[in-house]
Every structure is written in C-alpha cells, then in structure tokens.
C-alpha atoms as a PDB file:
ATOM      1  CA  MET A   1     133.610 119.350 115.467  1.00  0.00           C
ATOM      2  CA  ILE A   2     131.976 116.236 114.418  1.00  0.00           C
ATOM      3  CA  GLU A   3     129.266 116.823 110.758  1.00  0.00           C
ATOM      4  CA  PHE A   4     126.222 114.981 110.905  1.00  0.00           C
ATOM      5  CA  LYS A   5     125.053 114.244 107.330  1.00  0.00           C
ATOM      6  CA  ILE A   6     121.224 113.739 106.777  1.00  0.00           C
ATOM      7  CA  MET A   7     121.045 110.085 104.992  1.00  0.00           C
ATOM      8  CA  ASN A   8     120.080 109.328 101.820  1.00  0.00           C
ATOM      9  CA  LEU A   9     116.123 108.968 102.088  1.00  0.00           C
ATOM     10  CA  ASP A  10     114.421 108.733  98.922  1.00  0.00           C
ATOM     11  CA  ILE A  11     111.669 110.969 100.727  1.00  0.00           C
ATOM     12  CA  LEU A  12     113.979 114.083 100.069  1.00  0.00           C
ATOM     13  CA  THR A  13     113.836 113.705  96.581  1.00  0.00           C
ATOM     14  CA  PRO A  14     111.561 115.291  93.939  1.00  0.00           C
ATOM     15  CA  LEU A  15     109.442 112.116  93.645  1.00  0.00           C
ATOM     16  CA  GLY A  16     109.657 112.027  97.053  1.00  0.00           C
ATOM     17  CA  GLN A  17     108.665 115.056  97.632  1.00  0.00           C
ATOM     18  CA  ILE A  18     105.651 114.275  95.297  1.00  0.00           C
ATOM     19  CA  THR A  19     104.769 111.440  97.426  1.00  0.00           C
ATOM     20  CA  VAL A  20     104.341 113.450 100.406  1.00  0.00           C
ATOM     21  CA  ALA A  21     101.896 115.909  98.939  1.00  0.00           C
ATOM     22  CA  GLU A  22     100.024 113.228  97.572  1.00  0.00           C
ATOM     23  CA  GLU A  23      99.789 111.655 101.268  1.00  0.00           C
ATOM     24  CA  LYS A  24      98.371 115.074 102.746  1.00  0.00           C
ATOM     25  CA  VAL A  25      95.786 115.044  99.935  1.00  0.00           C
ATOM     26  CA  ALA A  26      94.772 111.174 100.883  1.00  0.00           C
ATOM     27  CA  TYR A  27      94.945 112.309 104.984  1.00  0.00           C
ATOM     28  CA  ALA A  28      92.559 115.546 103.949  1.00  0.00           C
ATOM     29  CA  ILE A  29      90.045 112.859 102.528  1.00  0.00           C
ATOM     30  CA  PHE A  30      90.010 110.907 105.714  1.00  0.00           C
ATOM     31  CA  GLU A  31      89.777 114.260 108.229  1.00  0.00           C
ATOM     32  CA  LYS A  32      87.159 115.468 105.846  1.00  0.00           C
ATOM     33  CA  GLN A  33      85.173 112.114 106.031  1.00  0.00           C
ATOM     34  CA  GLN A  34      86.331 111.164 109.538  1.00  0.00           C
ATOM     35  CA  VAL A  35      84.749 114.083 111.510  1.00  0.00           C
ATOM     36  CA  GLY A  36      86.685 114.772 114.678  1.00  0.00           C
ATOM     37  CA  TYR A  37      89.816 113.051 113.738  1.00  0.00           C
ATOM     38  CA  THR A  38      93.377 114.381 112.203  1.00  0.00           C
ATOM     39  CA  ILE A  39      96.601 112.801 110.946  1.00  0.00           C
ATOM     40  CA  GLN A  40      99.687 113.847 112.632  1.00  0.00           C
ATOM     41  CA  HIS A  41     102.831 113.260 109.970  1.00  0.00           C
ATOM     42  CA  THR A  42     105.923 111.735 111.304  1.00  0.00           C
ATOM     43  CA  ASP A  43     109.307 113.430 110.801  1.00  0.00           C
ATOM     44  CA  LYS A  44     110.137 112.913 107.008  1.00  0.00           C
ATOM     45  CA  THR A  45     113.245 113.839 107.377  1.00  0.00           C
ATOM     46  CA  LYS A  46     114.616 110.511 109.072  1.00  0.00           C
ATOM     47  CA  PRO A  47     113.667 107.381 108.872  1.00  0.00           C
ATOM     48  CA  VAL A  48     110.726 106.249 110.584  1.00  0.00           C
ATOM     49  CA  PRO A  49     109.088 102.874 111.255  1.00  0.00           C
ATOM     50  CA  PHE A  50     105.507 104.370 109.950  1.00  0.00           C
ATOM     51  CA  ASP A  51     103.905 107.455 108.803  1.00  0.00           C
ATOM     52  CA  GLY A  52     101.686 108.837 111.020  1.00  0.00           C
ATOM     53  CA  TRP A  53      99.257 108.696 113.582  1.00  0.00           C
ATOM     54  CA  ILE A  54      95.623 108.788 113.887  1.00  0.00           C
ATOM     55  CA  ILE A  55      94.337 111.612 116.461  1.00  0.00           C
ATOM     56  CA  TYR A  56      90.724 112.184 118.467  1.00  0.00           C
ATOM     57  CA  ASN A  57      90.410 114.377 121.251  1.00  0.00           C
ATOM     58  CA  GLY A  58      93.927 115.199 121.123  1.00  0.00           C
ATOM     59  CA  SER A  59      94.956 111.621 122.074  1.00  0.00           C
ATOM     60  CA  PRO A  60      96.652 109.052 119.187  1.00  0.00           C
ATOM     61  CA  VAL A  61      94.520 106.253 118.278  1.00  0.00           C
ATOM     62  CA  ALA A  62      96.510 104.601 115.657  1.00  0.00           C
ATOM     63  CA  LEU A  63      99.584 104.142 113.515  1.00  0.00           C
ATOM     64  CA  ILE A  64      99.321 104.981 109.909  1.00  0.00           C
ATOM     65  CA  GLU A  65     101.168 103.171 107.208  1.00  0.00           C
ATOM     66  CA  THR A  66     100.472 104.883 103.825  1.00  0.00           C
ATOM     67  CA  LYS A  67     100.951 104.470 100.183  1.00  0.00           C
ATOM     68  CA  CYS A  68     100.390 106.457  97.241  1.00  0.00           C
ATOM     69  CA  ARG A  69      99.767 104.681  93.748  1.00  0.00           C
ATOM     70  CA  PHE A  70     100.650 106.997  90.680  1.00  0.00           C
ATOM     71  CA  ASP A  71     100.237 104.296  88.042  1.00  0.00           C
ATOM     72  CA  VAL A  72      96.629 103.008  88.317  1.00  0.00           C
ATOM     73  CA  TRP A  73      93.280 103.827  88.407  1.00  0.00           C
ATOM     74  CA  TYR A  74      91.135 102.636  91.276  1.00  0.00           C
ATOM     75  CA  ASP A  75      88.856 100.045  88.584  1.00  0.00           C
ATOM     76  CA  GLU A  76      92.374  98.978  87.060  1.00  0.00           C
ATOM     77  CA  PHE A  77      93.786  97.948  90.655  1.00  0.00           C
ATOM     78  CA  VAL A  78      90.617  96.501  91.748  1.00  0.00           C
ATOM     79  CA  ASN A  79      90.694  94.104  88.375  1.00  0.00           C
ATOM     80  CA  ARG A  80      94.391  94.227  87.338  1.00  0.00           C
ATOM     81  CA  TYR A  81      95.959  93.662  90.645  1.00  0.00           C
ATOM     82  CA  LYS A  82      92.934  91.638  92.003  1.00  0.00           C
ATOM     83  CA  ASN A  83      92.514  94.214  94.984  1.00  0.00           C
ATOM     84  CA  ARG A  84      95.524  93.124  96.881  1.00  0.00           C
ATOM     85  CA  TRP A  85      98.518  95.890  98.108  1.00  0.00           C
ATOM     86  CA  LEU A  86     101.308  95.153  97.879  1.00  0.00           C
ATOM     87  CA  ILE A  87     104.035  96.247 100.708  1.00  0.00           C
ATOM     88  CA  THR A  88     107.181  94.805 102.104  1.00  0.00           C
ATOM     89  CA  GLU A  89     106.951  92.246 104.450  1.00  0.00           C
ATOM     90  CA  ALA A  90     110.073  94.132 106.561  1.00  0.00           C
ATOM     91  CA  LYS A  91     107.768  97.097 106.785  1.00  0.00           C
ATOM     92  CA  LEU A  92     105.105  95.802 108.049  1.00  0.00           C
ATOM     93  CA  GLN A  93     106.963  93.759 110.567  1.00  0.00           C
ATOM     94  CA  VAL A  94     108.488  97.020 111.793  1.00  0.00           C
ATOM     95  CA  ALA A  95     105.330  98.684 111.882  1.00  0.00           C
ATOM     96  CA  SER A  96     103.258  96.292 113.625  1.00  0.00           C
ATOM     97  CA  ARG A  97     106.520  96.359 116.276  1.00  0.00           C
ATOM     98  CA  SER A  98     105.321  99.779 116.723  1.00  0.00           C
ATOM     99  CA  SER A  99     102.342  99.219 117.116  1.00  0.00           C
ATOM    100  CA  ARG A 100     102.758  97.218 119.628  1.00  0.00           C
ATOM    101  CA  LYS A 101     104.792  98.761 121.420  1.00  0.00           C
ATOM    102  CA  ALA A 102     102.529 102.024 121.606  1.00  0.00           C
ATOM    103  CA  ARG A 103      99.253  99.543 122.206  1.00  0.00           C
ATOM    104  CA  LEU A 104      97.400 100.964 118.998  1.00  0.00           C
ATOM    105  CA  PRO A 105      96.234  99.246 115.820  1.00  0.00           C
ATOM    106  CA  LEU A 106      98.040  99.667 112.760  1.00  0.00           C
ATOM    107  CA  TYR A 107      96.071 101.391 109.450  1.00  0.00           C
ATOM    108  CA  GLY A 108      97.150 100.602 106.346  1.00  0.00           C
ATOM    109  CA  PHE A 109      96.191 103.596 103.777  1.00  0.00           C
ATOM    110  CA  LEU A 110      96.289 102.738 100.670  1.00  0.00           C
ATOM    111  CA  TYR A 111      95.780 106.198  98.273  1.00  0.00           C
ATOM    112  CA  ILE A 112      94.817 105.899  94.396  1.00  0.00           C
ATOM    113  CA  VAL A 113      96.073 109.371  93.139  1.00  0.00           C
ATOM    114  CA  LYS A 114      94.355 109.187  89.881  1.00  0.00           C
ATOM    115  CA  SER A 115      90.759 108.452  91.203  1.00  0.00           C
ATOM    116  CA  LYS A 116      91.518 110.338  94.322  1.00  0.00           C
ATOM    117  CA  VAL A 117      90.360 107.165  96.104  1.00  0.00           C
ATOM    118  CA  LEU A 118      91.639 106.117  99.863  1.00  0.00           C
ATOM    119  CA  MET A 119      91.680 103.002 100.937  1.00  0.00           C
ATOM    120  CA  VAL A 120      91.597 102.085 104.737  1.00  0.00           C
ATOM    121  CA  LYS A 121      91.844  99.072 106.238  1.00  0.00           C
ATOM    122  CA  ARG A 122      93.404  97.623 109.874  1.00  0.00           C
ATOM    123  CA  LEU A 123      96.853  96.240 108.979  1.00  0.00           C
ATOM    124  CA  ALA A 124      97.709  95.221 112.884  1.00  0.00           C
ATOM    125  CA  ASP A 125      95.908  95.016 115.988  1.00  0.00           C
ATOM    126  CA  LYS A 126      97.195  97.133 119.364  1.00  0.00           C
ATOM    127  CA  ASP A 127      99.137  93.840 119.801  1.00  0.00           C
ATOM    128  CA  GLY A 128     100.836  94.305 116.749  1.00  0.00           C
ATOM    129  CA  LEU A 129      99.172  91.448 115.649  1.00  0.00           C
ATOM    130  CA  LEU A 130      98.996  91.596 111.536  1.00  0.00           C
ATOM    131  CA  VAL A 131      96.137  90.874 109.539  1.00  0.00           C
ATOM    132  CA  GLU A 132      95.968  87.488 106.814  1.00  0.00           C
ATOM    133  CA  ARG A 133      98.779  88.126 104.021  1.00  0.00           C
ATOM    134  CA  GLU A 134     100.062  86.279 101.245  1.00  0.00           C
ATOM    135  CA  VAL A 135     103.789  86.372 101.770  1.00  0.00           C
ATOM    136  CA  LYS A 136     106.613  85.653  98.911  1.00  0.00           C
ATOM    137  CA  ASP A 137     109.779  86.721  97.625  1.00  0.00           C
ATOM    138  CA  THR A 138     109.021  89.029  94.479  1.00  0.00           C
ATOM    139  CA  VAL A 139     111.301  91.581  92.179  1.00  0.00           C
ATOM    140  CA  THR A 140     109.440  94.660  92.390  1.00  0.00           C
ATOM    141  CA  GLN A 141     110.491  98.522  92.254  1.00  0.00           C
ATOM    142  CA  ALA A 142     113.012  99.265  94.536  1.00  0.00           C
ATOM    143  CA  THR A 143     112.091 103.041  95.807  1.00  0.00           C
ATOM    144  CA  VAL A 144     109.758 105.283  94.536  1.00  0.00           C
ATOM    145  CA  ASN A 145     112.688 106.632  92.320  1.00  0.00           C
ATOM    146  CA  GLY A 146     112.971 103.580  90.681  1.00  0.00           C
ATOM    147  CA  GLY A 147     115.337 100.836  90.277  1.00  0.00           C
ATOM    148  CA  VAL A 148     114.400  96.691  90.646  1.00  0.00           C
ATOM    149  CA  ILE A 149     115.082  94.749  93.926  1.00  0.00           C
ATOM    150  CA  LYS A 150     113.870  91.270  94.849  1.00  0.00           C
ATOM    151  CA  ARG A 151     112.648  91.111  98.704  1.00  0.00           C
ATOM    152  CA  THR A 152     109.979  89.471 100.872  1.00  0.00           C
ATOM    153  CA  ASN A 153     106.872  91.502  99.796  1.00  0.00           C
ATOM    154  CA  CYS A 154     103.600  90.545 101.376  1.00  0.00           C
ATOM    155  CA  PHE A 155      99.953  91.458  99.210  1.00  0.00           C
ATOM    156  CA  VAL A 156      97.291  92.836 101.508  1.00  0.00           C
ATOM    157  CA  SER A 157      93.710  91.721 100.467  1.00  0.00           C
ATOM    158  CA  MET A 158      91.811  95.129 100.308  1.00  0.00           C
ATOM    159  CA  ASN A 159      88.157  93.373  99.784  1.00  0.00           C
ATOM    160  CA  LYS A 160      87.289  94.379 103.451  1.00  0.00           C
ATOM    161  CA  CYS A 161      88.244  97.895 103.470  1.00  0.00           C
ATOM    162  CA  THR A 162      86.489 101.138 103.832  1.00  0.00           C
ATOM    163  CA  ILE A 163      86.795 103.507 100.416  1.00  0.00           C
ATOM    164  CA  MET A 164      86.773 106.983 100.770  1.00  0.00           C
ATOM    165  CA  GLN A 165      86.916 109.460  97.768  1.00  0.00           C
ATOM    166  CA  TRP A 166      87.400 113.171  97.449  1.00  0.00           C
ATOM    167  CA  GLU A 167      84.036 114.776  96.419  1.00  0.00           C
ATOM    168  CA  GLU A 168      84.094 118.324  95.845  1.00  0.00           C
ATOM    169  CA  ARG A 169      80.280 118.301  97.199  1.00  0.00           C
ATOM    170  CA  PRO A 170      79.453 117.198 101.323  1.00  0.00           C
ATOM    171  CA  MET A 171      78.704 113.816 101.777  1.00  0.00           C
ATOM    172  CA  PRO A 172      75.290 113.128 103.201  1.00  0.00           C
ATOM    173  CA  LYS A 173      75.603 112.337 106.882  1.00  0.00           C
ATOM    174  CA  SER A 174      73.981 108.913 106.681  1.00  0.00           C
ATOM    175  CA  SER A 175      77.414 107.965 104.762  1.00  0.00           C
ATOM    176  CA  HIS A 176      79.491 109.304 107.194  1.00  0.00           C
ATOM    177  CA  HIS A 177      81.214 106.422 109.318  1.00  0.00           C
ATOM    178  CA  SER A 178      83.895 105.754 111.459  1.00  0.00           C
ATOM    179  CA  VAL A 179      86.602 103.198 110.318  1.00  0.00           C
ATOM    180  CA  PHE A 180      87.206 101.904 113.938  1.00  0.00           C
END
C-alpha cells in the first residue's frame, strides 16, 4: 500500500488559517459591493497557482491572487510603502500562465486587514500579459509563518486600483460600480 503525505503547506498552519479567514472577509467585501458577483475559492489543501475565481451568472470571469496585510493600516501602506504591493515575480508568472490558459484576466486582491480595506487591481489580461511592475531581487519574509528569503519580487503600483471598504451600512446605489 502506498501512503501519500500532504505537503507542508503554510496555509495549513495556525497563521495560515488566520490568512484563510481574512481572505474570506476580503471576498465578502467584494461580493457585498459587486452585486451579482461571487468568489469561488481554490482548494487550499493543495498547491495552486492562484487563490480563486470571480463568478458571474454561474461562469468564471476572472482569476484572483489574494494577499492579506496584517501589519499596516491603509494610510501607512499608502505613505510608508508608497502604495506598492510586493509580490513574488514567480507567483505572478505562474498565475499569469493560468490566466492565459483559462483565457480570463487575473485580478489582485490586496486586503489591508486593520483598516478593512480591499484594493482590487487587474494584474494580467486574458492573454496573461502582466501589468507594469518594478522587478528586483529583495530580502523579504519567506512565508506567513516567518523566515527570511532573498528572491525576485516585484512591486505593483496600486495607484489606479478600485478601493472597497467594509461598511456597516449599505452604500448608496451611485457608489456601486463594477471593477470590470
């Protein structure tokens, strides 16, 4: 009998599970403000090239790559980090290949947990062509569980993104708009 072992995925750790819970909050913000759209999660127990699909009328319309930032407030992200999202170049390349294969655009969901702000930006078109970004080798945190690693990362400007925030009261109809 062959025994299979689940890979050591960061998402299966306690900190990884907190990330999964916060991703769900980010997706709820999106679904609340983008009426008619839903998010379908990927299977977090397996290594996957992206985090989910945006669904409209029962069909996928985009892929999603999600990052939850626990360590900053929105204003601090804009000022201290110059409104730039750090993401590994390898992760973007793999996700863009999935985008090209599926013939769907890839959207980035950057969720600033402390401020309950979701920043949404198209990262690749349906042909997998990635947005402009600054690519360079940097030393960063290795995983959600810590550690340090030197790798090729990129910085994506979030200046022209759609900003959504969790609100306790319904938003006026005039402020509902689609990111598509």
